[in-house]
Amino acid sequence: MIDKLYQYILEMCRGPRGGMIMSIVSFTEAVVFIIPPDPFLGLLCIKKTYGRVARLVFLCLVCSVAGGCLGYYLGEEIVAFGLKNDIAIISNNIDKINLIREKFNGGTFLLMITSGFTPLPFKLFCVTAGVLNVDFLPFLLGSIVGRGLRFGLVGYLAKVFEEQFDQLLKSKKVFYLSISLILILIIYLIIKWI
């Protein structure tokens, strides 16, 4: 089902509205959607000038960060709604949420860079950041840097490798790099929280 949806969106992306489709995928993926925008961005960057690639990367970045900000807002609203309506899971644990916020706040920038760059679910970090109501500026800057690095790399690789881009995305080197970054994040969290 997901593979069919992915193929359908990929085909739509080949048409004249490819940039708009990529933007929608990029925005919604940062909130709820399960398919990342990378393959669509890469497809659009193949055989384009560096200027066009830069514009596509920027468009994907803006939409993704805007979606992440919506995720942050939804996280804040979940807590506000839970407190207002005395939903036990939130109102009974507000002290724990505040304690986690204090620990999370110091590493927000690094966590958002990591979640924005690696295959970790960016949406999960955005909504969690909103639930914890962490400082917004480090959240925003970390999201911009992490997503910017990721989409910039995707755009560059698609431009340079063209048709080989799809195989490159699926290569073990990209997989190992992603796993390494996730392990670094886990080690950082363990050191910070112990």
Protein backbone atom coordinates (compact mmCIF):
# COMPACT_ATOMS: atom_id res chain seq x y z
CA MET A 1 0.00 0.00 0.00
CA ILE A 2 2.70 2.50 1.03
CA ASP A 3 4.88 1.42 -1.91
CA LYS A 4 1.98 2.00 -4.33
CA LEU A 5 1.34 5.44 -2.83
CA TYR A 6 5.05 6.23 -3.11
CA GLN A 7 5.14 5.18 -6.78
CA TYR A 8 1.98 7.17 -7.53
CA ILE A 9 3.37 10.36 -5.96
CA LEU A 10 6.71 9.79 -7.71
CA GLU A 11 4.94 9.60 -11.07
CA MET A 12 2.96 12.78 -10.31
CA CYS A 13 6.25 14.47 -9.40
CA ARG A 14 7.54 13.87 -12.92
CA GLY A 15 4.83 16.14 -14.29
CA PRO A 16 4.62 19.93 -14.52
CA ARG A 17 3.48 20.26 -10.90
CA GLY A 18 6.44 18.33 -9.50
CA GLY A 19 7.67 21.21 -7.33
CA MET A 20 4.23 21.71 -5.80
CA ILE A 21 3.85 17.98 -5.08
CA MET A 22 7.32 17.85 -3.49
CA SER A 23 6.40 20.88 -1.35
CA ILE A 24 3.20 19.23 -0.13
CA VAL A 25 5.02 15.99 0.69
CA SER A 26 7.77 17.94 2.45
CA PHE A 27 5.31 19.92 4.58
CA THR A 28 3.07 16.99 5.53
CA GLU A 29 5.99 14.61 6.19
CA ALA A 30 7.17 16.93 8.96
CA VAL A 31 3.79 16.58 10.69
CA VAL A 32 2.07 13.28 9.85
CA PHE A 33 2.98 11.83 6.44
CA ILE A 34 5.16 8.70 6.36
CA ILE A 35 6.98 9.15 3.03
CA PRO A 36 10.03 11.48 3.13
CA PRO A 37 10.47 14.15 0.44
CA ASP A 38 14.05 13.10 -0.47
CA PRO A 39 13.24 10.88 -3.49
CA PHE A 40 10.94 13.56 -4.92
CA LEU A 41 13.52 16.30 -4.41
CA GLY A 42 16.18 14.09 -5.97
CA LEU A 43 14.00 13.29 -8.97
CA LEU A 44 13.37 16.99 -9.58
CA CYS A 45 17.10 17.84 -9.29
CA ILE A 46 18.29 15.37 -11.93
CA LYS A 47 19.68 17.15 -15.02
CA LYS A 48 18.96 20.62 -13.59
CA THR A 49 21.33 23.56 -13.24
CA TYR A 50 22.91 24.22 -9.86
CA GLY A 51 20.74 27.33 -9.53
CA ARG A 52 17.56 25.32 -10.08
CA VAL A 53 18.78 22.64 -7.66
CA ALA A 54 19.42 25.32 -5.01
CA ARG A 55 15.89 26.72 -5.48
CA LEU A 56 14.33 23.25 -5.19
CA VAL A 57 16.37 22.49 -2.04
CA PHE A 58 15.32 25.84 -0.54
CA LEU A 59 11.64 25.19 -1.36
CA CYS A 60 11.81 21.72 0.19
CA LEU A 61 13.59 23.14 3.27
CA VAL A 62 11.05 25.94 3.83
CA CYS A 63 8.08 23.59 3.50
CA SER A 64 9.62 20.97 5.78
CA VAL A 65 10.54 23.48 8.51
CA ALA A 66 7.07 25.07 8.24
CA GLY A 67 5.56 21.61 8.72
CA GLY A 68 7.86 21.05 11.70
CA CYS A 69 6.67 24.34 13.23
CA LEU A 70 3.08 23.17 12.79
CA GLY A 71 4.05 19.91 14.54
CA TYR A 72 5.54 21.95 17.40
CA TYR A 73 2.33 24.00 17.66
CA LEU A 74 0.19 20.84 17.66
CA GLY A 75 2.34 19.43 20.47
CA GLU A 76 1.77 22.59 22.53
CA GLU A 77 -1.97 22.40 21.84
CA ILE A 78 -2.14 18.76 22.92
CA VAL A 79 -0.77 19.69 26.36
CA ALA A 80 -2.97 22.80 26.63
CA PHE A 81 -6.06 20.77 25.69
CA GLY A 82 -5.10 18.02 28.15
CA LEU A 83 -4.65 20.49 31.01
CA LYS A 84 -7.82 22.42 30.19
CA ASN A 85 -9.94 19.26 30.06
CA ASP A 86 -8.09 17.53 32.91
CA ILE A 87 -7.03 14.56 30.83
CA ALA A 88 -5.29 12.35 33.36
CA ILE A 89 -2.34 11.23 31.23
CA ILE A 90 -1.30 14.87 30.82
CA SER A 91 -2.50 16.61 33.97
CA ASN A 92 -1.15 13.85 36.25
CA ASN A 93 2.25 13.92 34.53
CA ILE A 94 2.84 17.65 34.07
CA ASP A 95 5.69 17.56 36.61
CA LYS A 96 7.41 14.81 34.60
CA ILE A 97 6.87 16.78 31.38
CA ASN A 98 8.49 19.83 33.01
CA LEU A 99 11.42 17.72 34.23
CA ILE A 100 11.99 16.25 30.77
CA ARG A 101 11.74 19.77 29.28
CA GLU A 102 14.63 20.94 31.46
CA LYS A 103 16.80 18.06 30.24
CA PHE A 104 15.68 18.40 26.61
CA ASN A 105 16.14 22.19 26.43
CA GLY A 106 19.94 22.07 26.68
CA GLY A 107 20.24 19.75 23.69
CA THR A 108 17.35 20.96 21.54
CA PHE A 109 19.58 22.41 18.82
CA LEU A 110 21.66 19.23 18.44
CA LEU A 111 18.64 16.93 18.65
CA MET A 112 16.82 18.85 15.92
CA ILE A 113 19.91 18.81 13.67
CA THR A 114 20.18 15.05 14.13
CA SER A 115 16.48 14.35 13.63
CA GLY A 116 16.41 16.66 10.61
CA PHE A 117 19.42 15.04 8.95
CA THR A 118 19.02 11.34 9.73
CA PRO A 119 16.17 8.92 8.95
CA LEU A 120 14.84 9.43 12.49
CA PRO A 121 11.20 10.52 12.35
CA PHE A 122 11.46 14.32 12.19
CA LYS A 123 7.74 14.69 12.90
CA LEU A 124 8.09 12.83 16.19
CA PHE A 125 10.78 15.22 17.40
CA CYS A 126 8.77 18.27 16.28
CA VAL A 127 5.59 17.23 18.09
CA THR A 128 7.55 16.14 21.16
CA ALA A 129 9.36 19.49 21.22
CA GLY A 130 5.95 21.19 21.25
CA VAL A 131 4.61 18.89 23.98
CA LEU A 132 7.66 19.73 26.09
CA ASN A 133 7.40 23.41 25.08
CA VAL A 134 11.18 23.64 24.61
CA ASP A 135 12.77 26.92 23.59
CA PHE A 136 11.53 27.65 20.09
CA LEU A 137 14.61 29.39 18.66
CA PRO A 138 17.01 26.40 19.11
CA PHE A 139 14.23 24.16 17.80
CA LEU A 140 13.81 26.31 14.70
CA LEU A 141 17.54 26.82 14.03
CA GLY A 142 18.33 23.12 14.56
CA SER A 143 15.51 22.17 12.19
CA ILE A 144 16.80 24.57 9.53
CA VAL A 145 20.39 23.31 9.82
CA GLY A 146 19.47 19.60 9.94
CA ARG A 147 16.96 19.71 7.12
CA GLY A 148 19.12 22.10 5.09
CA LEU A 149 22.11 19.75 5.29
CA ARG A 150 19.99 16.75 4.37
CA PHE A 151 18.15 18.32 1.45
CA GLY A 152 21.31 20.06 0.24
CA LEU A 153 23.11 16.72 0.17
CA VAL A 154 20.20 15.04 -1.63
CA GLY A 155 20.03 17.81 -4.24
CA TYR A 156 23.79 17.75 -4.80
CA LEU A 157 23.95 13.95 -5.11
CA ALA A 158 20.99 13.90 -7.50
CA LYS A 159 22.64 16.58 -9.64
CA VAL A 160 26.03 14.85 -9.70
CA PHE A 161 24.95 11.21 -10.00
CA GLU A 162 21.71 11.76 -11.96
CA GLU A 163 20.12 8.38 -12.81
CA GLN A 164 22.32 6.56 -10.28
CA PHE A 165 20.79 8.67 -7.50
CA ASP A 166 18.11 6.11 -6.59
CA GLN A 167 20.70 3.36 -6.12
CA LEU A 168 22.82 5.75 -4.07
CA LEU A 169 19.94 6.48 -1.70
CA LYS A 170 19.49 2.74 -1.15
CA SER A 171 23.21 2.03 -0.77
CA LYS A 172 24.69 0.56 2.37
CA LYS A 173 27.02 3.56 2.79
CA VAL A 174 24.06 5.91 3.32
CA PHE A 175 22.51 3.33 5.66
CA TYR A 176 25.72 3.03 7.72
CA LEU A 177 26.12 6.81 7.91
CA SER A 178 22.53 7.13 9.17
CA ILE A 179 23.00 4.39 11.77
CA SER A 180 26.24 6.05 12.95
CA LEU A 181 24.50 9.40 13.43
CA ILE A 182 21.64 7.74 15.33
CA LEU A 183 24.15 5.96 17.62
CA ILE A 184 25.94 9.26 18.29
CA LEU A 185 22.58 10.80 19.27
CA ILE A 186 21.77 7.88 21.59
CA ILE A 187 25.20 8.08 23.26
CA TYR A 188 24.77 11.85 23.68
CA LEU A 189 21.34 11.38 25.31
CA ILE A 190 22.62 8.67 27.64
CA ILE A 191 25.57 10.86 28.76
CA LYS A 192 23.35 13.92 29.17
CA TRP A 193 20.58 12.17 31.11
CA ILE A 194 22.68 10.02 33.45
